[in-house]
Protein backbone atom coordinates (compact mmCIF):
# COMPACT_ATOMS: atom_id res chain seq x y z
CA UNK A 1 -0.15 -29.52 0.02
CA UNK A 2 1.73 -30.83 -2.96
CA UNK A 3 0.45 -30.65 -6.55
CA UNK A 4 0.04 -34.43 -6.64
CA UNK A 5 -2.12 -34.49 -3.53
CA UNK A 6 -4.67 -31.99 -4.88
CA UNK A 7 -6.92 -34.83 -6.08
CA UNK A 8 -7.04 -36.58 -2.70
CA UNK A 9 -7.13 -33.87 -0.06
CA UNK A 10 -7.55 -34.70 3.58
CA UNK A 11 -9.78 -32.57 5.79
CA UNK A 12 -6.72 -30.79 7.21
CA UNK A 13 -5.39 -30.06 3.71
CA UNK A 14 -8.78 -28.65 2.64
CA UNK A 15 -8.77 -26.45 5.73
CA UNK A 16 -5.29 -25.13 4.99
CA UNK A 17 -6.13 -24.54 1.35
CA UNK A 18 -9.48 -22.80 1.89
CA UNK A 19 -8.60 -20.81 5.02
CA UNK A 20 -5.00 -19.86 4.35
CA UNK A 21 -3.51 -20.41 0.92
CA UNK A 22 -6.33 -19.33 -1.41
CA UNK A 23 -7.28 -16.14 0.52
CA UNK A 24 -3.63 -15.09 0.72
CA UNK A 25 -3.08 -15.71 -2.98
CA UNK A 26 -6.22 -13.80 -3.94
CA UNK A 27 -5.30 -10.88 -1.66
CA UNK A 28 -1.79 -10.71 -3.15
CA UNK A 29 -3.23 -10.65 -6.67
CA UNK A 30 -5.77 -7.96 -5.75
CA UNK A 31 -3.08 -5.85 -4.05
CA UNK A 32 -0.87 -6.12 -7.13
CA UNK A 33 -3.72 -5.09 -9.42
CA UNK A 34 -4.62 -2.15 -7.16
CA UNK A 35 -1.01 -0.96 -6.97
CA UNK A 36 -0.57 -1.17 -10.74
CA UNK A 37 -3.76 0.81 -11.36
CA UNK A 38 -2.73 3.36 -8.72
CA UNK A 39 0.69 3.67 -10.36
CA UNK A 40 -0.86 4.21 -13.78
CA UNK A 41 -3.19 6.89 -12.41
CA UNK A 42 -0.31 8.66 -10.66
CA UNK A 43 1.79 8.56 -13.80
CA UNK A 44 -1.05 10.07 -15.81
CA UNK A 45 -1.83 12.77 -13.23
CA UNK A 46 1.77 13.85 -12.76
CA UNK A 47 2.74 13.22 -16.40
CA UNK A 48 5.82 11.43 -15.13
CA UNK A 49 6.63 7.81 -15.94
CA UNK A 50 8.79 7.33 -12.82
CA UNK A 51 6.06 8.04 -10.26
CA UNK A 52 4.49 5.07 -8.48
CA UNK A 53 2.80 4.44 -5.11
CA UNK A 54 6.19 3.55 -3.63
CA UNK A 55 7.93 6.67 -4.92
CA UNK A 56 5.07 9.01 -4.01
CA UNK A 57 4.89 8.14 -0.32
CA UNK A 58 1.53 6.39 -0.63
CA UNK A 59 2.81 3.14 0.86
CA UNK A 60 4.43 4.97 3.76
CA UNK A 61 1.22 6.85 4.53
CA UNK A 62 -0.66 3.52 4.50
CA UNK A 63 1.85 2.11 7.00
CA UNK A 64 1.30 5.17 9.17
CA UNK A 65 -2.46 4.63 9.00
CA UNK A 66 -2.12 1.04 10.17
CA UNK A 67 0.17 2.17 12.99
CA UNK A 68 -2.35 4.80 14.11
CA UNK A 69 -5.12 2.19 14.08
CA UNK A 70 -2.97 -0.23 16.07
CA UNK A 71 -2.07 2.40 18.67
CA UNK A 72 -5.50 3.92 19.22
CA UNK A 73 -7.77 0.99 18.39
CA UNK A 74 -5.90 -2.09 19.60
CA UNK A 75 -8.94 -4.38 19.60
CA UNK A 76 -10.32 -3.15 16.28
CA UNK A 77 -11.35 -5.53 13.53
CA UNK A 78 -8.94 -5.93 10.61
CA UNK A 79 -11.34 -4.06 8.29
CA UNK A 80 -11.13 -0.98 10.51
CA UNK A 81 -7.34 -1.11 10.36
CA UNK A 82 -7.55 -1.57 6.60
CA UNK A 83 -9.86 1.45 6.40
CA UNK A 84 -7.29 3.54 8.29
CA UNK A 85 -4.62 2.41 5.82
CA UNK A 86 -6.76 3.28 2.80
CA UNK A 87 -7.79 6.69 4.14
CA UNK A 88 -4.26 7.63 5.12
CA UNK A 89 -2.93 6.45 1.74
CA UNK A 90 -5.47 8.66 -0.02
CA UNK A 91 -4.53 11.60 2.21
CA UNK A 92 -0.85 10.94 1.51
CA UNK A 93 -1.45 10.85 -2.22
CA UNK A 94 -3.36 14.13 -1.99
CA UNK A 95 -0.47 15.68 -0.04
CA UNK A 96 1.97 14.47 -2.70
CA UNK A 97 -0.19 15.81 -5.53
CA UNK A 98 -0.49 19.15 -3.71
CA UNK A 99 3.28 19.36 -3.44
CA UNK A 100 3.70 18.42 -7.12
CA UNK A 101 1.30 21.19 -8.17
CA UNK A 102 3.38 23.78 -6.32
CA UNK A 103 6.68 22.66 -7.84
CA UNK A 104 7.79 24.92 -10.67
CA UNK A 105 10.68 22.77 -11.89
CA UNK A 106 8.96 19.51 -12.92
CA UNK A 107 11.85 17.37 -14.05
CA UNK A 108 11.29 13.64 -14.67
CA UNK A 109 13.64 12.73 -11.82
CA UNK A 110 12.79 15.55 -9.41
CA UNK A 111 9.12 14.63 -8.83
CA UNK A 112 9.82 11.03 -7.72
CA UNK A 113 12.63 12.34 -5.50
CA UNK A 114 10.15 14.65 -3.78
CA UNK A 115 7.85 11.66 -3.26
CA UNK A 116 10.69 9.59 -1.85
CA UNK A 117 11.63 12.39 0.55
CA UNK A 118 8.01 12.73 1.67
CA UNK A 119 7.75 8.97 2.13
CA UNK A 120 10.97 8.86 4.14
CA UNK A 121 9.74 11.64 6.43
CA UNK A 122 6.47 9.79 7.05
CA UNK A 123 8.28 6.47 7.47
CA UNK A 124 10.70 8.01 9.97
CA UNK A 125 7.79 9.42 11.96
CA UNK A 126 6.03 6.04 11.93
CA UNK A 127 9.20 4.27 13.05
CA UNK A 128 9.66 6.81 15.84
CA UNK A 129 6.06 6.29 17.00
CA UNK A 130 6.33 2.50 16.86
């Protein structure tokens, strides 16, 4: 679908636009908004401007949740797999926050490094299981 053909869409073009392009674009925007809000919350909770969902292991825990759903519930609906990802991401964030609370030396660089190490451990486990 080209920008010029938006005024005269064929039935196939409407199908592609409504069933593929628009839902993907909306989901990308919503994911970006959710990640930015999650990053802001993590930065406020840890009082560290370098912490984000990618440096706290949250994304890696979400990947692990999807992998668990795909292994144990192969025929599950996509919303069930999404639920596993959300729950495991929340659990991963709670694990990270628990580790951060126990750290005595809270340097601006040290806390994200701990999150990266945690994320790499979880990612390695998920890769091994896959």
